[in-house]
Amino acid sequence: PIPFNENSTRAYSKKFRVYVLRDFLFRNFSHFQPSPSSSSSTSSCTADITVLDVAGGRGDLSWILHNIDGINSIIADPRIPNHR
C-alpha cells in the first residue's frame, strides 16, 4: 500500500510517484492484469507487452516493470541519464 494524504490526491513524497503510476497501470489497463490461471504475481501475457516510458528520466518505472513485473520497457528521454 502506498501512503496517501487523506486531504490530498498526491502521494506523501515524490519517491512514491513511480509506485502510484505502476498501480494506476495495473488497475486501469487490462493488459497488465494477471490471467486467472496464473498462480504467480506476473502473468505469462505480460511477456508480450512493451511499455514506452516517455520522459522516463532515471528509468525507475521501467526498472520496476522489467525486474519485478516481467514487462519489457523502453525509456524515451531526450536528456542524458545521470545515475548518481
C-alpha atoms as a PDB file:
ATOM      1  CA  PRO A   1       0.000   0.000   0.000  1.00  0.00           C
ATOM      2  CA  ILE A   2       1.181   3.463  -0.907  1.00  0.00           C
ATOM      3  CA  PRO A   3       0.708   6.137   1.758  1.00  0.00           C
ATOM      4  CA  PHE A   4      -1.607   8.958   0.734  1.00  0.00           C
ATOM      5  CA  ASN A   5      -2.538  12.166   2.440  1.00  0.00           C
ATOM      6  CA  GLU A   6      -6.237  11.907   3.318  1.00  0.00           C
ATOM      7  CA  ASN A   7      -6.771  15.575   2.336  1.00  0.00           C
ATOM      8  CA  SER A   8      -4.966  15.368  -0.985  1.00  0.00           C
ATOM      9  CA  THR A   9      -4.787  13.193  -4.087  1.00  0.00           C
ATOM     10  CA  ARG A  10      -0.989  13.455  -4.039  1.00  0.00           C
ATOM     11  CA  ALA A  11       1.385  10.913  -2.560  1.00  0.00           C
ATOM     12  CA  TYR A  12       3.282  11.888   0.579  1.00  0.00           C
ATOM     13  CA  SER A  13       6.567  12.006  -1.269  1.00  0.00           C
ATOM     14  CA  LYS A  14       7.900  12.250  -4.799  1.00  0.00           C
ATOM     15  CA  LYS A  15       9.714   8.969  -4.245  1.00  0.00           C
ATOM     16  CA  PHE A  16       6.362   7.167  -4.278  1.00  0.00           C
ATOM     17  CA  ARG A  17       5.288   8.572  -7.676  1.00  0.00           C
ATOM     18  CA  VAL A  18       6.656   5.600  -9.565  1.00  0.00           C
ATOM     19  CA  TYR A  19       4.627   3.203  -7.418  1.00  0.00           C
ATOM     20  CA  VAL A  20       1.474   5.283  -7.845  1.00  0.00           C
ATOM     21  CA  LEU A  21       1.870   5.178 -11.629  1.00  0.00           C
ATOM     22  CA  ARG A  22       2.602   1.437 -11.589  1.00  0.00           C
ATOM     23  CA  ASP A  23      -0.544   0.817  -9.519  1.00  0.00           C
ATOM     24  CA  PHE A  24      -2.540   3.020 -11.926  1.00  0.00           C
ATOM     25  CA  LEU A  25      -1.344   0.951 -14.904  1.00  0.00           C
ATOM     26  CA  PHE A  26      -2.310  -2.315 -13.245  1.00  0.00           C
ATOM     27  CA  ARG A  27      -5.707  -1.003 -12.106  1.00  0.00           C
ATOM     28  CA  ASN A  28      -6.737   0.632 -15.376  1.00  0.00           C
ATOM     29  CA  PHE A  29      -5.266  -1.389 -18.239  1.00  0.00           C
ATOM     30  CA  SER A  30      -6.398  -4.972 -18.727  1.00  0.00           C
ATOM     31  CA  HIS A  31      -3.102  -5.856 -20.474  1.00  0.00           C
ATOM     32  CA  PHE A  32      -1.390  -5.607 -17.096  1.00  0.00           C
ATOM     33  CA  GLN A  33      -3.839  -7.854 -15.268  1.00  0.00           C
ATOM     34  CA  PRO A  34      -2.620 -11.360 -14.435  1.00  0.00           C
ATOM     35  CA  SER A  35      -4.648 -14.095 -16.081  1.00  0.00           C
ATOM     36  CA  PRO A  36      -6.890 -16.092 -13.707  1.00  0.00           C
ATOM     37  CA  SER A  37      -4.915 -19.273 -14.462  1.00  0.00           C
ATOM     38  CA  SER A  38      -1.632 -17.634 -13.453  1.00  0.00           C
ATOM     39  CA  SER A  39      -0.502 -18.608  -9.962  1.00  0.00           C
ATOM     40  CA  SER A  40       2.365 -16.102  -9.807  1.00  0.00           C
ATOM     41  CA  SER A  41       2.149 -12.336  -9.450  1.00  0.00           C
ATOM     42  CA  THR A  42       3.349 -11.880 -13.046  1.00  0.00           C
ATOM     43  CA  SER A  43       1.300 -13.091 -15.940  1.00  0.00           C
ATOM     44  CA  SER A  44       2.527 -15.033 -18.914  1.00  0.00           C
ATOM     45  CA  CYS A  45       0.755 -12.487 -21.136  1.00  0.00           C
ATOM     46  CA  THR A  46       2.951  -9.674 -19.806  1.00  0.00           C
ATOM     47  CA  ALA A  47       5.956 -11.122 -21.640  1.00  0.00           C
ATOM     48  CA  ASP A  48       4.443  -9.870 -24.909  1.00  0.00           C
ATOM     49  CA  ILE A  49       3.866  -6.333 -23.617  1.00  0.00           C
ATOM     50  CA  THR A  50       6.338  -3.499 -24.176  1.00  0.00           C
ATOM     51  CA  VAL A  51       5.798  -0.201 -22.397  1.00  0.00           C
ATOM     52  CA  LEU A  52       7.182   3.039 -23.823  1.00  0.00           C
ATOM     53  CA  ASP A  53       8.277   5.107 -20.824  1.00  0.00           C
ATOM     54  CA  VAL A  54       8.206   8.619 -22.319  1.00  0.00           C
ATOM     55  CA  ALA A  55      10.285  11.164 -20.387  1.00  0.00           C
ATOM     56  CA  GLY A  56      11.341   8.250 -18.197  1.00  0.00           C
ATOM     57  CA  GLY A  57      14.181  10.139 -16.516  1.00  0.00           C
ATOM     58  CA  ARG A  58      16.235   7.780 -14.376  1.00  0.00           C
ATOM     59  CA  GLY A  59      14.168   4.814 -15.536  1.00  0.00           C
ATOM     60  CA  ASP A  60      12.655   3.883 -12.177  1.00  0.00           C
ATOM     61  CA  LEU A  61       9.306   2.826 -13.657  1.00  0.00           C
ATOM     62  CA  SER A  62      10.966   0.853 -16.438  1.00  0.00           C
ATOM     63  CA  TRP A  63      13.239  -0.887 -13.946  1.00  0.00           C
ATOM     64  CA  ILE A  64      10.316  -1.900 -11.734  1.00  0.00           C
ATOM     65  CA  LEU A  65       8.183  -3.054 -14.654  1.00  0.00           C
ATOM     66  CA  HIS A  66      11.020  -5.136 -16.091  1.00  0.00           C
ATOM     67  CA  ASN A  67      12.641  -6.574 -12.976  1.00  0.00           C
ATOM     68  CA  ILE A  68       9.619  -7.037 -10.715  1.00  0.00           C
ATOM     69  CA  ASP A  69       6.698  -7.486 -13.113  1.00  0.00           C
ATOM     70  CA  GLY A  70       8.478  -9.064 -16.090  1.00  0.00           C
ATOM     71  CA  ILE A  71       7.218  -6.409 -18.521  1.00  0.00           C
ATOM     72  CA  ASN A  72       9.511  -5.086 -21.265  1.00  0.00           C
ATOM     73  CA  SER A  73      10.008  -1.340 -21.131  1.00  0.00           C
ATOM     74  CA  ILE A  74      11.807   1.189 -23.313  1.00  0.00           C
ATOM     75  CA  ILE A  75      12.812   4.612 -21.991  1.00  0.00           C
ATOM     76  CA  ALA A  76      12.431   7.550 -24.376  1.00  0.00           C
ATOM     77  CA  ASP A  77      14.006  10.613 -22.800  1.00  0.00           C
ATOM     78  CA  PRO A  78      15.966  13.317 -24.628  1.00  0.00           C
ATOM     79  CA  ARG A  79      18.111  14.012 -21.575  1.00  0.00           C
ATOM     80  CA  ILE A  80      21.329  12.168 -20.891  1.00  0.00           C
ATOM     81  CA  PRO A  81      20.850   9.991 -17.784  1.00  0.00           C
ATOM     82  CA  ASN A  82      22.783  10.862 -14.651  1.00  0.00           C
ATOM     83  CA  HIS A  83      22.726   7.803 -12.369  1.00  0.00           C
ATOM     84  CA  ARG A  84      24.271   9.334  -9.256  1.00  0.00           C
END
